[in-house]
Amino acid sequence: MKKISYKSFLIVFASLFSLTLGLTGCSEIKKGSVPKNSKEIHLRVWESKDGIDEFIKQAGKAYTAQHPNIIIDFINVDIHAEIETLESDIQKGIAPDIISAPHDNLGKIVTKKLVLPTENASSVSRQVLGSCSKALTYNNTMYGYPISAETYALFYNRRLISDNEVPRTWEELVQWVQRFNAQNPGKFGFVMDVMSIYYSILFTTANGNRLYGESGTDAYNPRMNTPEAIRGMKFFQTLRSSLGLTNAELSTSSCDGLFASGNVAMHITGLWNVNTFEKAGLDFNVAALPSLPGENKPAASFSGTRGMFVTASSAHPEEAADFLTFLLSPEMQQLRFKLTGAMPSINTTVSSKYMNGFLQQLDYAFPMPSIPQMGKFWGEADTTLRNIWNGADVESEMSKFNNNIKS
């Protein structure tokens, strides 16, 4: 029997060991993961479509051009089911590195320990708009990276109402709409989704009254039964008859469609509809919201911040944080505006004749609270608005609402 030399044995053993590693690597790749010994890092990013997907893809390519070993993988996930999906995928070991979420979900994802604090919070806070920094701060700690800002304002069709006719107060708006409706059968002077508390919250904000207090964190005192909130909702109730808005089923999409058709003079909506209205061929502009009765400044609106967050389960948290910081650069913020129409979260110039109206309104906007009690707020608001709109006693409805949404 021919003896195998020790040198030959080592060669055979090394070959078998390499083959075993190769098979193991193939197995891991088939599962959709990246081998730990790979020099190439993949960052899995959950985002939605409608232009945001293209932004992530283009931004990812630009980032990879600077960091060739880091690949950005876009994964389309419905943002409304994101938290539940993330919790499930963490258990399966297939969670993403980065997610996006509106800032009012912050309390939920933080208390569930799903995301990490901002890696370079002081620097990011200085870089972004103050309202965006505040929106992503929970219990004095900043989480995530504000990728865009938003609020709503008063859109108006310049073929139906001239610039100098745009009302500065709600009383002026009612008077103008009544004249317009009488003279223009089949058209509407004004529409808004009155059944959406996202918009109708504005009627509760007189004299600085704010949901869950100035900081949005007073869970024990929602301030929806204050004299200011009750007085504002009594005025809200009168709009049904004074503006002819008798259809409580008029949804956000219906209002958007009516304005896009050219049959509405004024409509409350956000920057996200600019592209739609431009494509419809409308000659329109944007102004700050009219002031509430007894006020002399625009009514306060909810402001929103869309954040992107490094997940607590990310295998590459430092790289993920660096990519999200990259998205805050002027070039990337301008690219996002171009692709999505979303307002930048930093102070940078974008080419839009409508931005001035939104920036004026943003001065009077306040961040949607992000405490966990917001879940109750959204759930209870529909019933409250509908009852008031249909003639229920405002004071009792708002007191019940206030009690149902506090800790």
Protein backbone atom coordinates (compact mmCIF):
# COMPACT_ATOMS: atom_id res chain seq x y z
CA MET A 1 0.00 0.00 0.00
CA LYS A 2 1.35 3.34 -1.06
CA LYS A 3 1.79 5.77 1.82
CA ILE A 4 0.43 9.32 1.59
CA SER A 5 2.95 11.90 2.59
CA TYR A 6 2.13 14.44 5.30
CA LYS A 7 2.39 17.23 2.70
CA SER A 8 -0.15 15.51 0.43
CA PHE A 9 -2.50 15.03 3.36
CA LEU A 10 -2.43 18.75 4.10
CA ILE A 11 -3.22 19.55 0.47
CA VAL A 12 -6.22 17.19 0.42
CA PHE A 13 -7.47 18.51 3.80
CA ALA A 14 -7.18 22.12 2.64
CA SER A 15 -9.12 21.34 -0.52
CA LEU A 16 -11.91 19.64 1.41
CA PHE A 17 -12.04 22.53 3.90
CA SER A 18 -12.30 25.09 1.08
CA LEU A 19 -15.08 23.08 -0.56
CA THR A 20 -16.99 22.96 2.72
CA LEU A 21 -16.73 26.76 3.10
CA GLY A 22 -17.88 27.23 -0.47
CA LEU A 23 -20.94 25.07 0.06
CA THR A 24 -21.75 26.88 3.30
CA GLY A 25 -21.48 30.25 1.55
CA CYS A 26 -23.79 29.12 -1.25
CA SER A 27 -26.32 27.97 1.32
CA GLU A 28 -26.25 31.36 3.04
CA ILE A 29 -26.60 33.24 -0.24
CA LYS A 30 -29.63 31.15 -1.18
CA LYS A 31 -31.22 32.25 2.08
CA GLY A 32 -30.78 35.86 0.99
CA SER A 33 -28.04 36.81 3.45
CA VAL A 34 -24.52 37.97 2.86
CA PRO A 35 -21.66 35.69 4.03
CA LYS A 36 -19.99 37.10 7.10
CA ASN A 37 -16.56 36.82 5.51
CA SER A 38 -17.63 38.83 2.46
CA LYS A 39 -16.00 42.23 1.92
CA GLU A 40 -19.25 43.42 0.36
CA ILE A 41 -21.83 44.88 2.75
CA HIS A 42 -25.50 44.97 1.82
CA LEU A 43 -27.78 47.43 3.61
CA ARG A 44 -31.41 46.38 3.36
CA VAL A 45 -33.72 49.43 3.21
CA TRP A 46 -37.48 49.19 3.65
CA GLU A 47 -39.37 51.94 1.84
CA SER A 48 -42.57 52.54 -0.10
CA LYS A 49 -43.10 53.44 -3.75
CA ASP A 50 -44.52 56.52 -5.50
CA GLY A 51 -41.14 58.11 -6.18
CA ILE A 52 -39.53 57.31 -2.85
CA ASP A 53 -38.36 53.97 -4.23
CA GLU A 54 -36.57 55.72 -7.09
CA PHE A 55 -34.96 58.12 -4.63
CA ILE A 56 -33.54 55.26 -2.53
CA LYS A 57 -32.25 53.51 -5.65
CA GLN A 58 -30.57 56.61 -7.08
CA ALA A 59 -29.21 57.71 -3.70
CA GLY A 60 -27.95 54.17 -3.13
CA LYS A 61 -26.00 54.21 -6.38
CA ALA A 62 -24.49 57.60 -5.51
CA TYR A 63 -23.46 56.31 -2.08
CA THR A 64 -21.98 53.10 -3.51
CA ALA A 65 -19.95 55.20 -5.94
CA GLN A 66 -18.23 56.68 -2.87
CA HIS A 67 -18.22 53.42 -0.89
CA PRO A 68 -17.82 50.59 -3.45
CA ASN A 69 -18.08 47.83 -0.83
CA ILE A 70 -21.50 48.97 0.42
CA ILE A 71 -24.57 48.07 -1.63
CA ILE A 72 -28.00 49.57 -0.89
CA ASP A 73 -30.86 47.08 -1.40
CA PHE A 74 -34.31 48.66 -1.75
CA ILE A 75 -37.18 46.50 -0.48
CA ASN A 76 -40.76 47.65 -0.98
CA VAL A 77 -42.71 47.36 2.29
CA ASP A 78 -46.09 48.94 3.02
CA ILE A 79 -45.36 51.53 5.67
CA HIS A 80 -48.73 50.93 7.37
CA ALA A 81 -47.83 47.31 8.21
CA GLU A 82 -44.17 48.02 8.80
CA ILE A 83 -43.94 47.73 12.59
CA GLU A 84 -45.70 44.38 12.76
CA THR A 85 -43.65 43.06 9.85
CA LEU A 86 -40.42 44.25 11.48
CA GLU A 87 -41.23 42.54 14.78
CA SER A 88 -41.93 39.31 12.92
CA ASP A 89 -38.79 39.50 10.75
CA ILE A 90 -36.58 40.21 13.77
CA GLN A 91 -37.71 36.89 15.23
CA LYS A 92 -36.89 35.17 11.91
CA GLY A 93 -33.47 36.84 11.69
CA ILE A 94 -34.24 38.53 8.37
CA ALA A 95 -34.94 42.09 9.53
CA PRO A 96 -33.69 45.10 7.51
CA ASP A 97 -30.95 47.54 8.43
CA ILE A 98 -33.04 50.63 7.77
CA ILE A 99 -36.74 51.48 7.92
CA SER A 100 -38.69 54.66 7.36
CA ALA A 101 -41.67 55.86 9.37
CA PRO A 102 -43.68 59.02 10.02
CA HIS A 103 -42.50 60.62 13.23
CA ASP A 104 -45.79 60.06 15.06
CA ASN A 105 -44.83 56.36 15.18
CA LEU A 106 -41.66 57.22 17.08
CA GLY A 107 -43.00 56.45 20.54
CA LYS A 108 -44.16 53.02 19.45
CA ILE A 109 -40.95 51.93 17.72
CA VAL A 110 -38.78 53.30 20.54
CA THR A 111 -40.73 51.67 23.36
CA LYS A 112 -40.65 48.39 21.45
CA LYS A 113 -36.85 48.84 21.13
CA LEU A 114 -36.93 48.40 17.37
CA VAL A 115 -34.60 51.27 16.42
CA LEU A 116 -31.33 52.82 17.58
CA PRO A 117 -30.66 56.39 18.72
CA THR A 118 -29.17 58.76 16.18
CA GLU A 119 -25.46 58.02 15.87
CA ASN A 120 -24.37 61.66 15.60
CA ALA A 121 -27.35 63.41 17.15
CA SER A 122 -25.84 66.83 17.89
CA SER A 123 -24.49 67.18 14.35
CA VAL A 124 -27.72 65.98 12.72
CA SER A 125 -29.81 68.25 14.95
CA ARG A 126 -27.80 71.29 13.82
CA GLN A 127 -28.07 70.27 10.18
CA VAL A 128 -31.84 69.82 9.93
CA LEU A 129 -34.83 72.11 10.47
CA GLY A 130 -35.68 72.68 14.12
CA SER A 131 -39.18 71.19 13.76
CA CYS A 132 -37.68 68.02 12.27
CA SER A 133 -35.16 67.63 15.06
CA LYS A 134 -37.90 68.11 17.66
CA ALA A 135 -40.16 65.62 15.91
CA LEU A 136 -37.59 62.81 16.16
CA THR A 137 -36.73 63.45 19.81
CA TYR A 138 -38.30 61.15 22.39
CA ASN A 139 -37.58 61.39 26.12
CA ASN A 140 -34.73 63.82 25.33
CA THR A 141 -33.05 61.35 22.95
CA MET A 142 -32.98 61.73 19.18
CA TYR A 143 -33.77 58.69 17.05
CA GLY A 144 -33.30 58.37 13.33
CA TYR A 145 -32.63 60.89 10.60
CA PRO A 146 -35.31 63.32 9.34
CA ILE A 147 -35.51 62.72 5.62
CA SER A 148 -38.32 65.14 4.72
CA ALA A 149 -40.78 67.60 6.25
CA GLU A 150 -44.41 68.23 5.47
CA THR A 151 -47.41 70.28 6.39
CA TYR A 152 -50.52 71.38 4.56
CA ALA A 153 -51.69 74.79 3.40
CA LEU A 154 -54.39 76.49 1.34
CA PHE A 155 -54.24 75.66 -2.38
CA TYR A 156 -56.22 77.94 -4.67
CA ASN A 157 -57.14 77.79 -8.36
CA ARG A 158 -56.17 81.14 -9.88
CA ARG A 159 -58.74 80.72 -12.68
CA LEU A 160 -61.48 80.81 -10.05
CA ILE A 161 -60.03 83.10 -7.38
CA SER A 162 -57.40 85.80 -7.82
CA ASP A 163 -54.33 86.22 -5.63
CA ASN A 164 -55.73 89.31 -3.90
CA GLU A 165 -59.04 87.56 -3.14
CA VAL A 166 -57.51 84.73 -1.12
CA PRO A 167 -59.06 84.99 2.36
CA ARG A 168 -56.85 85.65 5.36
CA THR A 169 -59.47 84.58 7.92
CA TRP A 170 -62.01 81.76 8.10
CA GLU A 171 -64.82 84.30 8.33
CA GLU A 172 -63.65 85.85 5.03
CA LEU A 173 -63.40 82.37 3.50
CA VAL A 174 -67.01 81.56 4.44
CA GLN A 175 -68.29 84.83 2.96
CA TRP A 176 -66.34 84.39 -0.29
CA VAL A 177 -67.41 80.76 -0.71
CA GLN A 178 -71.10 81.57 -0.17
CA ARG A 179 -70.98 84.18 -2.95
CA PHE A 180 -69.02 81.87 -5.26
CA ASN A 181 -71.29 78.87 -4.76
CA ALA A 182 -74.39 80.97 -5.45
CA GLN A 183 -72.91 82.29 -8.70
CA ASN A 184 -71.29 79.04 -9.92
CA PRO A 185 -73.64 76.04 -9.80
CA GLY A 186 -71.75 72.76 -10.14
CA LYS A 187 -68.54 74.23 -8.73
CA PHE A 188 -67.24 74.45 -5.16
CA GLY A 189 -65.70 77.43 -3.46
CA PHE A 190 -63.90 75.24 -0.94
CA VAL A 191 -63.38 71.58 -0.04
CA MET A 192 -61.39 69.72 2.59
CA ASP A 193 -61.60 66.30 4.19
CA VAL A 194 -63.38 67.46 7.33
CA MET A 195 -63.51 63.88 8.62
CA SER A 196 -59.71 63.66 8.79
CA ILE A 197 -58.36 64.85 12.14
CA TYR A 198 -55.00 65.34 10.43
CA TYR A 199 -56.53 68.45 8.85
CA SER A 200 -59.36 69.30 11.26
CA ILE A 201 -57.03 69.48 14.26
CA LEU A 202 -56.40 73.06 13.11
CA PHE A 203 -59.75 74.13 14.59
CA THR A 204 -58.55 73.24 18.12
CA THR A 205 -55.37 75.35 18.06
CA ALA A 206 -56.47 78.90 18.92
CA ASN A 207 -54.46 80.77 21.55
CA GLY A 208 -51.61 78.25 21.35
CA ASN A 209 -53.72 75.24 22.37
CA ARG A 210 -51.78 72.12 21.37
CA LEU A 211 -52.60 68.42 21.44
CA TYR A 212 -50.82 66.86 24.47
CA GLY A 213 -49.32 70.24 25.34
CA GLU A 214 -46.59 72.43 23.89
CA SER A 215 -44.06 69.58 23.83
CA GLY A 216 -46.63 67.01 22.67
CA THR A 217 -45.72 64.69 25.54
CA ASP A 218 -48.30 65.40 28.26
CA ALA A 219 -50.18 62.11 27.96
CA TYR A 220 -52.34 62.95 31.00
CA ASN A 221 -53.70 66.18 29.51
CA PRO A 222 -54.53 66.00 25.77
CA ARG A 223 -56.09 69.52 25.86
CA MET A 224 -58.96 68.58 23.59
CA ASN A 225 -61.57 69.82 26.07
CA THR A 226 -60.15 73.30 26.67
CA PRO A 227 -62.28 76.41 25.98
CA GLU A 228 -60.16 77.03 22.85
CA ALA A 229 -60.70 73.52 21.47
CA ILE A 230 -64.44 73.59 22.18
CA ARG A 231 -64.88 77.06 20.67
CA GLY A 232 -62.94 76.02 17.55
CA MET A 233 -64.95 72.83 17.07
CA LYS A 234 -68.21 74.75 17.42
CA PHE A 235 -67.04 76.88 14.50
CA PHE A 236 -66.05 73.69 12.65
CA GLN A 237 -69.60 72.40 13.13
CA THR A 238 -71.08 75.50 11.43
CA LEU A 239 -69.12 74.83 8.21
CA ARG A 240 -71.48 72.05 7.22
CA SER A 241 -74.24 74.53 6.42
CA SER A 242 -72.25 77.73 5.81
CA LEU A 243 -69.97 76.16 3.20
CA GLY A 244 -72.39 73.62 1.81
CA LEU A 245 -70.12 70.74 2.83
CA THR A 246 -72.97 68.39 3.59
CA ASN A 247 -71.32 65.17 2.46
CA ALA A 248 -69.48 63.69 5.43
CA GLU A 249 -68.16 60.91 3.16
CA LEU A 250 -66.10 63.35 1.09
CA SER A 251 -62.68 61.71 1.44
CA THR A 252 -59.19 63.11 1.00
CA SER A 253 -58.90 61.46 -2.42
CA SER A 254 -62.30 62.87 -3.48
CA CYS A 255 -61.27 66.38 -2.47
CA ASP A 256 -57.98 66.00 -4.32
CA GLY A 257 -59.82 64.79 -7.40
CA LEU A 258 -62.32 67.65 -7.33
CA PHE A 259 -59.57 70.24 -7.10
CA ALA A 260 -57.58 68.54 -9.86
CA SER A 261 -60.69 68.65 -12.09
CA GLY A 262 -60.63 72.46 -11.95
CA ASN A 263 -64.03 72.70 -10.29
CA VAL A 264 -62.84 73.86 -6.85
CA ALA A 265 -61.50 77.30 -5.94
CA MET A 266 -59.75 76.38 -2.66
CA HIS A 267 -58.58 73.17 -1.03
CA ILE A 268 -56.46 72.29 1.99
CA THR A 269 -53.78 69.73 1.16
CA GLY A 270 -50.02 69.28 1.08
CA LEU A 271 -46.93 69.55 -1.07
CA TRP A 272 -47.33 65.92 -2.11
CA ASN A 273 -50.16 66.99 -4.45
CA VAL A 274 -48.20 69.63 -6.35
CA ASN A 275 -47.11 67.22 -9.10
CA THR A 276 -50.64 65.88 -9.50
CA PHE A 277 -52.17 69.33 -9.86
CA GLU A 278 -49.45 70.47 -12.26
CA LYS A 279 -50.05 67.43 -14.47
CA ALA A 280 -53.76 68.31 -14.45
CA GLY A 281 -52.84 71.65 -16.04
CA LEU A 282 -54.08 73.82 -13.18
CA ASP A 283 -52.95 77.40 -12.68
CA PHE A 284 -52.75 77.34 -8.88
CA ASN A 285 -50.81 78.73 -5.98
CA VAL A 286 -50.41 78.09 -2.24
CA ALA A 287 -51.05 80.34 0.76
CA ALA A 288 -50.94 79.95 4.52
CA LEU A 289 -54.13 78.79 6.24
CA PRO A 290 -56.74 81.40 7.17
CA SER A 291 -56.74 82.51 10.80
CA LEU A 292 -59.33 81.18 13.22
CA PRO A 293 -62.05 83.47 14.63
CA GLY A 294 -60.48 85.90 17.10
CA GLU A 295 -56.95 85.22 15.82
CA ASN A 296 -54.72 87.34 13.58
CA LYS A 297 -52.23 84.71 12.38
CA PRO A 298 -52.55 81.57 10.25
CA ALA A 299 -54.23 78.64 11.98
CA ALA A 300 -51.74 76.07 13.24
CA SER A 301 -51.38 72.86 11.25
CA PHE A 302 -49.87 69.50 12.00
CA SER A 303 -46.33 69.19 10.69
CA GLY A 304 -44.91 65.82 9.88
CA THR A 305 -41.39 64.52 9.61
CA ARG A 306 -40.61 61.34 7.75
CA GLY A 307 -37.71 59.69 9.50
CA MET A 308 -35.38 56.91 8.48
CA PHE A 309 -34.08 54.72 11.27
CA VAL A 310 -31.30 52.21 11.85
CA THR A 311 -32.95 49.10 13.23
CA ALA A 312 -31.77 47.57 16.50
CA SER A 313 -31.23 44.31 14.63
CA SER A 314 -28.93 45.75 11.94
CA ALA A 315 -25.67 43.89 11.45
CA HIS A 316 -24.09 47.08 10.08
CA PRO A 317 -25.35 49.97 12.24
CA GLU A 318 -22.37 52.27 11.60
CA GLU A 319 -22.61 51.92 7.83
CA ALA A 320 -26.39 52.34 7.95
CA ALA A 321 -26.04 55.54 10.00
CA ASP A 322 -23.47 56.90 7.56
CA PHE A 323 -25.78 56.25 4.60
CA LEU A 324 -28.66 58.04 6.32
CA THR A 325 -26.39 61.01 7.10
CA PHE A 326 -25.51 61.05 3.39
CA LEU A 327 -29.22 61.42 2.58
CA LEU A 328 -29.25 64.73 4.47
CA SER A 329 -26.78 66.37 2.09
CA PRO A 330 -28.13 69.23 -0.06
CA GLU A 331 -27.66 67.16 -3.23
CA MET A 332 -29.70 64.24 -1.88
CA GLN A 333 -32.40 66.47 -0.39
CA GLN A 334 -32.79 68.26 -3.72
CA LEU A 335 -32.95 64.89 -5.52
CA ARG A 336 -35.70 63.72 -3.15
CA PHE A 337 -37.68 66.89 -3.78
CA LYS A 338 -37.33 66.42 -7.54
CA LEU A 339 -38.55 62.80 -7.40
CA THR A 340 -41.20 63.03 -4.69
CA GLY A 341 -42.12 66.69 -4.17
CA ALA A 342 -41.43 66.28 -0.44
CA MET A 343 -40.22 69.31 1.48
CA PRO A 344 -36.51 69.08 2.39
CA SER A 345 -35.65 68.52 6.04
CA ILE A 346 -32.67 70.87 5.78
CA ASN A 347 -32.39 74.53 4.83
CA THR A 348 -31.67 74.19 1.14
CA THR A 349 -33.00 75.87 -2.00
CA VAL A 350 -35.35 73.95 -4.26
CA SER A 351 -36.96 75.08 -7.47
CA SER A 352 -40.65 75.52 -6.66
CA LYS A 353 -42.86 78.59 -6.89
CA TYR A 354 -45.13 77.03 -4.26
CA MET A 355 -42.54 76.61 -1.54
CA ASN A 356 -43.02 80.10 -0.11
CA GLY A 357 -46.61 79.35 0.89
CA PHE A 358 -45.58 76.14 2.63
CA LEU A 359 -42.68 77.79 4.42
CA GLN A 360 -45.04 80.49 5.69
CA GLN A 361 -47.39 77.83 7.03
CA LEU A 362 -44.52 75.83 8.52
CA ASP A 363 -43.82 78.78 10.81
CA TYR A 364 -47.21 78.10 12.42
CA ALA A 365 -47.14 74.30 12.27
CA PHE A 366 -46.44 71.99 15.19
CA PRO A 367 -45.15 68.40 15.09
CA MET A 368 -47.69 65.65 15.50
CA PRO A 369 -47.06 64.18 18.95
CA SER A 370 -45.19 60.89 18.83
CA ILE A 371 -46.15 59.43 22.21
CA PRO A 372 -47.81 55.97 22.16
CA GLN A 373 -51.16 57.54 23.09
CA MET A 374 -51.39 58.85 19.52
CA GLY A 375 -52.75 55.44 18.58
CA LYS A 376 -55.81 56.17 20.71
CA PHE A 377 -56.03 59.68 19.27
CA TRP A 378 -56.26 58.52 15.66
CA GLY A 379 -58.70 55.77 16.56
CA GLU A 380 -61.11 57.94 18.55
CA ALA A 381 -61.03 61.02 16.31
CA ASP A 382 -63.17 59.61 13.50
CA THR A 383 -66.18 59.07 15.76
CA THR A 384 -65.78 62.45 17.45
CA LEU A 385 -65.56 64.38 14.17
CA ARG A 386 -68.49 62.56 12.65
CA ASN A 387 -70.69 63.11 15.69
CA ILE A 388 -69.90 66.82 15.86
CA TRP A 389 -70.35 67.28 12.12
CA ASN A 390 -73.76 65.65 12.38
CA GLY A 391 -74.89 68.05 15.10
CA ALA A 392 -73.93 66.44 18.42
CA ASP A 393 -73.18 68.63 21.43
CA VAL A 394 -69.62 69.82 20.94
CA GLU A 395 -68.67 70.21 24.59
CA SER A 396 -69.78 66.71 25.60
CA GLU A 397 -68.17 65.13 22.52
CA MET A 398 -64.84 66.87 23.11
CA SER A 399 -64.86 65.98 26.81
CA LYS A 400 -65.48 62.33 25.95
CA PHE A 401 -62.76 62.47 23.30
CA ASN A 402 -60.30 64.02 25.74
CA ASN A 403 -60.96 61.32 28.35
CA ASN A 404 -60.57 58.50 25.83
CA ILE A 405 -57.16 59.60 24.57
CA LYS A 406 -55.36 60.30 27.82
CA SER A 407 -53.33 57.92 29.97
